Amino acid sequence: MNANTIFRYLSIATITMWLFLTFFQNGSRPDEAEHAHAAWLIAVRGLTPFTDFFQHHSPLLWHWLAVYYRLGGEGLGVLFFGRLLSLTCVMVIAWCAWRSMRLTATAEEARFPFAIVLLLFGMSSLLLYENFVIRPETISAALFAVGWLLWRLLYLKDLSAAERAVAQLAAGALFGLALYASPRMVLLTPLFLLNGIGRPHSSTVKALVLFSLGAGLA
């Protein structure tokens, strides 16, 4: 059995385990119930967050969960509906990790680091099961991952001026949405500055201006 086959089976097994644990884990009882209740207040009672009821989280997650109730759902099924979003976020994060590695490495060079990343994420779902549950941070992490991938693309691929401007705005918008989902993502802002190290000052400033504009528009 060659290395490519081992990598393929290891990746499939790890992703399957990660998705299975994400969907069927015990979850976070207080947090998931809290977010499901907020979504119910929005969809069934017609209340407005922060105006009609108190919450200390951002509402992006609740609007997704509210779809379940608007479709006629009720009861504990909302947990599985919410975990579909968690599964999607997990797959987006995994895809972004792979594509990010492929920007600077061949598929052969990237496969084993990627397998290690998958194993670490899978283990985190098993040992720290609140990492990928129905929480605002789950959506935020996926949005951040896509924005970070776009930002890296700017510095590692030969793009036209128009393409660069669109990518800078899009990366900023995704980061803005990540902050809207969970303000905690602001702690990772320095990652966007790292790619500017060693670059001409004027191009870095222009990129950050467009990035900030995209974040503000989001």
Protein backbone atom coordinates (compact mmCIF):
# COMPACT_ATOMS: atom_id res chain seq x y z
CA MET A 1 0.00 0.00 0.00
CA ASN A 2 1.59 3.27 -1.16
CA ALA A 3 1.63 6.61 0.61
CA ASN A 4 -1.17 8.08 -1.51
CA THR A 5 -3.51 5.25 -0.58
CA ILE A 6 -2.63 5.53 3.12
CA PHE A 7 -3.26 9.28 3.04
CA ARG A 8 -6.58 8.85 1.26
CA TYR A 9 -7.92 6.26 3.70
CA LEU A 10 -6.57 8.12 6.74
CA SER A 11 -8.18 11.38 5.60
CA ILE A 12 -11.52 9.72 4.84
CA ALA A 13 -11.53 7.91 8.19
CA THR A 14 -10.59 11.04 10.14
CA ILE A 15 -13.12 13.30 8.40
CA THR A 16 -15.83 10.66 8.88
CA MET A 17 -15.01 10.38 12.59
CA TRP A 18 -14.92 14.17 12.95
CA LEU A 19 -18.28 14.62 11.23
CA PHE A 20 -19.83 11.74 13.20
CA LEU A 21 -18.65 13.17 16.52
CA THR A 22 -19.80 16.65 15.57
CA PHE A 23 -23.30 15.45 14.70
CA PHE A 24 -23.94 12.94 17.49
CA GLN A 25 -21.88 14.27 20.40
CA ASN A 26 -23.42 15.26 23.75
CA GLY A 27 -22.88 18.89 22.88
CA SER A 28 -23.03 21.85 25.21
CA ARG A 29 -26.30 21.59 27.11
CA PRO A 30 -26.58 25.18 28.36
CA ASP A 31 -25.28 26.83 25.18
CA GLU A 32 -27.19 24.80 22.61
CA ALA A 33 -30.44 25.10 24.54
CA GLU A 34 -29.84 28.84 24.93
CA HIS A 35 -29.33 29.37 21.20
CA ALA A 36 -32.29 27.16 20.28
CA HIS A 37 -34.49 29.15 22.66
CA ALA A 38 -33.33 32.46 21.18
CA ALA A 39 -34.17 31.18 17.70
CA TRP A 40 -37.60 30.06 18.92
CA LEU A 41 -38.26 33.52 20.36
CA ILE A 42 -37.40 35.06 16.98
CA ALA A 43 -39.31 32.62 14.75
CA VAL A 44 -42.33 31.65 16.86
CA ARG A 45 -42.84 34.62 19.17
CA GLY A 46 -41.71 37.21 16.62
CA LEU A 47 -39.38 38.92 19.09
CA THR A 48 -36.34 41.01 18.18
CA PRO A 49 -32.99 40.22 19.84
CA PHE A 50 -31.65 42.84 22.26
CA THR A 51 -34.84 44.89 21.91
CA ASP A 52 -37.43 42.39 23.14
CA PHE A 53 -35.18 40.00 25.04
CA PHE A 54 -31.68 40.07 26.48
CA GLN A 55 -28.80 38.14 24.97
CA HIS A 56 -25.04 38.46 25.14
CA HIS A 57 -24.30 36.68 21.84
CA SER A 58 -24.55 37.86 18.25
CA PRO A 59 -27.72 36.87 16.33
CA LEU A 60 -26.31 35.31 13.14
CA LEU A 61 -26.61 31.76 14.50
CA TRP A 62 -30.18 32.30 15.71
CA HIS A 63 -31.41 33.34 12.28
CA TRP A 64 -30.17 30.02 10.90
CA LEU A 65 -31.81 28.01 13.69
CA ALA A 66 -35.00 30.06 13.27
CA VAL A 67 -35.43 28.52 9.81
CA TYR A 68 -36.15 25.19 11.50
CA TYR A 69 -39.07 26.66 13.43
CA ARG A 70 -40.34 28.60 10.43
CA LEU A 71 -40.49 25.32 8.49
CA GLY A 72 -42.79 23.90 11.17
CA GLY A 73 -40.17 22.08 13.19
CA GLU A 74 -40.38 21.72 16.95
CA GLY A 75 -38.77 19.89 19.81
CA LEU A 76 -35.23 18.50 19.96
CA GLY A 77 -34.97 18.24 16.19
CA VAL A 78 -33.54 21.75 16.22
CA LEU A 79 -30.32 20.31 17.66
CA PHE A 80 -29.78 18.10 14.62
CA PHE A 81 -30.78 20.94 12.31
CA GLY A 82 -28.19 23.12 14.01
CA ARG A 83 -25.56 20.45 13.80
CA LEU A 84 -26.01 20.33 10.03
CA LEU A 85 -24.58 23.83 10.13
CA SER A 86 -21.77 22.59 12.38
CA LEU A 87 -20.98 19.81 9.89
CA THR A 88 -20.90 22.30 7.04
CA CYS A 89 -18.54 24.52 9.00
CA VAL A 90 -16.27 21.56 9.77
CA MET A 91 -16.04 20.68 6.07
CA VAL A 92 -15.37 24.31 5.11
CA ILE A 93 -12.56 24.56 7.68
CA ALA A 94 -11.00 21.30 6.47
CA TRP A 95 -11.21 22.41 2.83
CA CYS A 96 -9.63 25.78 3.65
CA ALA A 97 -6.80 24.08 5.52
CA TRP A 98 -6.08 21.88 2.48
CA ARG A 99 -6.26 24.73 -0.03
CA SER A 100 -4.06 26.91 2.18
CA MET A 101 -1.38 24.22 2.30
CA ARG A 102 -1.59 23.73 -1.46
CA LEU A 103 -0.76 27.40 -2.03
CA THR A 104 2.84 26.75 -0.97
CA ALA A 105 3.23 22.99 -1.37
CA THR A 106 2.53 20.20 -3.80
CA ALA A 107 -0.21 17.70 -3.05
CA GLU A 108 2.43 15.17 -2.04
CA GLU A 109 4.10 17.63 0.35
CA ALA A 110 0.80 18.79 1.84
CA ARG A 111 -0.94 15.48 2.41
CA PHE A 112 0.74 14.44 5.67
CA PRO A 113 0.55 17.86 7.39
CA PHE A 114 -3.09 17.96 6.35
CA ALA A 115 -3.69 14.51 7.82
CA ILE A 116 -2.14 15.71 11.10
CA VAL A 117 -4.41 18.77 11.11
CA LEU A 118 -7.44 16.54 10.57
CA LEU A 119 -6.37 14.22 13.38
CA LEU A 120 -5.92 17.16 15.75
CA PHE A 121 -9.37 18.53 14.90
CA GLY A 122 -10.89 15.07 15.24
CA MET A 123 -9.26 14.57 18.62
CA SER A 124 -10.42 18.01 19.75
CA SER A 125 -14.00 17.01 18.96
CA LEU A 126 -13.54 13.88 21.05
CA LEU A 127 -11.67 15.38 24.02
CA LEU A 128 -12.98 18.97 23.90
CA TYR A 129 -16.42 18.32 22.49
CA GLU A 130 -17.61 21.89 22.90
CA ASN A 131 -15.24 23.06 20.15
CA PHE A 132 -17.68 22.29 17.32
CA VAL A 133 -21.20 22.51 18.66
CA ILE A 134 -24.11 24.85 17.95
CA ARG A 135 -22.25 28.00 18.92
CA PRO A 136 -21.56 31.32 17.19
CA GLU A 137 -17.84 30.50 17.17
CA THR A 138 -18.44 27.51 14.90
CA ILE A 139 -19.87 29.72 12.14
CA SER A 140 -17.30 32.40 12.85
CA ALA A 141 -14.38 30.00 12.48
CA ALA A 142 -15.61 28.82 9.06
CA LEU A 143 -16.09 32.38 7.80
CA PHE A 144 -12.69 33.36 9.14
CA ALA A 145 -11.05 30.36 7.45
CA VAL A 146 -12.41 31.32 4.02
CA GLY A 147 -11.41 34.96 4.52
CA TRP A 148 -7.90 33.94 5.61
CA LEU A 149 -7.56 31.67 2.57
CA LEU A 150 -8.50 34.54 0.25
CA TRP A 151 -6.05 36.83 2.01
CA ARG A 152 -3.21 34.34 1.60
CA LEU A 153 -4.15 33.95 -2.06
CA LEU A 154 -3.51 37.65 -2.56
CA TYR A 155 0.13 37.32 -1.59
CA LEU A 156 0.90 33.93 -3.11
CA LYS A 157 -0.80 34.07 -6.51
CA ASP A 158 -0.30 36.38 -9.47
CA LEU A 159 -3.57 38.31 -9.69
CA SER A 160 -4.60 41.33 -11.73
CA ALA A 161 -5.26 44.62 -9.94
CA ALA A 162 -9.03 44.13 -10.26
CA GLU A 163 -8.87 40.57 -8.96
CA ARG A 164 -6.76 41.68 -6.02
CA ALA A 165 -9.20 44.44 -5.12
CA VAL A 166 -12.17 42.04 -5.25
CA ALA A 167 -10.30 39.47 -3.16
CA GLN A 168 -9.32 42.10 -0.58
CA LEU A 169 -12.90 43.32 -0.27
CA ALA A 170 -14.23 39.74 -0.09
CA ALA A 171 -11.67 38.74 2.57
CA GLY A 172 -12.64 41.78 4.60
CA ALA A 173 -16.36 41.06 4.21
CA LEU A 174 -15.88 37.47 5.38
CA PHE A 175 -13.85 38.68 8.36
CA GLY A 176 -16.59 41.19 9.13
CA LEU A 177 -19.21 38.43 9.05
CA ALA A 178 -16.96 36.30 11.28
CA LEU A 179 -16.87 39.15 13.79
CA TYR A 180 -20.63 39.54 13.51
CA ALA A 181 -21.04 35.84 14.29
CA SER A 182 -18.57 36.05 17.19
CA PRO A 183 -16.60 39.16 18.21
CA ARG A 184 -13.98 36.85 19.69
CA MET A 185 -12.50 36.42 16.22
CA VAL A 186 -10.98 39.87 16.62
CA LEU A 187 -8.24 38.09 18.58
CA LEU A 188 -7.04 36.54 15.30
CA THR A 189 -6.79 39.86 13.45
CA PRO A 190 -2.94 39.87 13.58
CA LEU A 191 -2.93 36.88 11.22
CA PHE A 192 -4.04 39.17 8.42
CA LEU A 193 -1.09 41.47 9.11
CA LEU A 194 1.53 38.71 8.87
CA ASN A 195 1.27 38.43 5.10
CA GLY A 196 2.17 42.10 4.78
CA ILE A 197 5.60 41.61 6.35
CA GLY A 198 8.31 42.25 3.78
CA ARG A 199 5.85 43.72 1.27
CA PRO A 200 5.93 47.32 -0.03
CA HIS A 201 4.32 49.63 2.51
CA SER A 202 1.98 51.26 -0.01
CA SER A 203 0.54 47.94 -1.26
CA THR A 204 0.03 46.70 2.29
CA VAL A 205 -1.80 49.88 3.29
CA LYS A 206 -4.02 49.71 0.20
CA ALA A 207 -4.84 46.07 0.90
CA LEU A 208 -5.73 46.83 4.52
CA VAL A 209 -7.92 49.78 3.48
CA LEU A 210 -9.93 47.61 1.07
CA PHE A 211 -10.02 44.82 3.64
CA SER A 212 -11.39 47.19 6.28
CA LEU A 213 -13.93 48.56 3.82
CA GLY A 214 -15.17 45.02 3.11
CA ALA A 215 -15.39 44.28 6.83
CA GLY A 216 -17.31 47.49 7.43
CA LEU A 217 -19.77 46.78 4.63
CA ALA A 218 -20.42 43.31 6.02
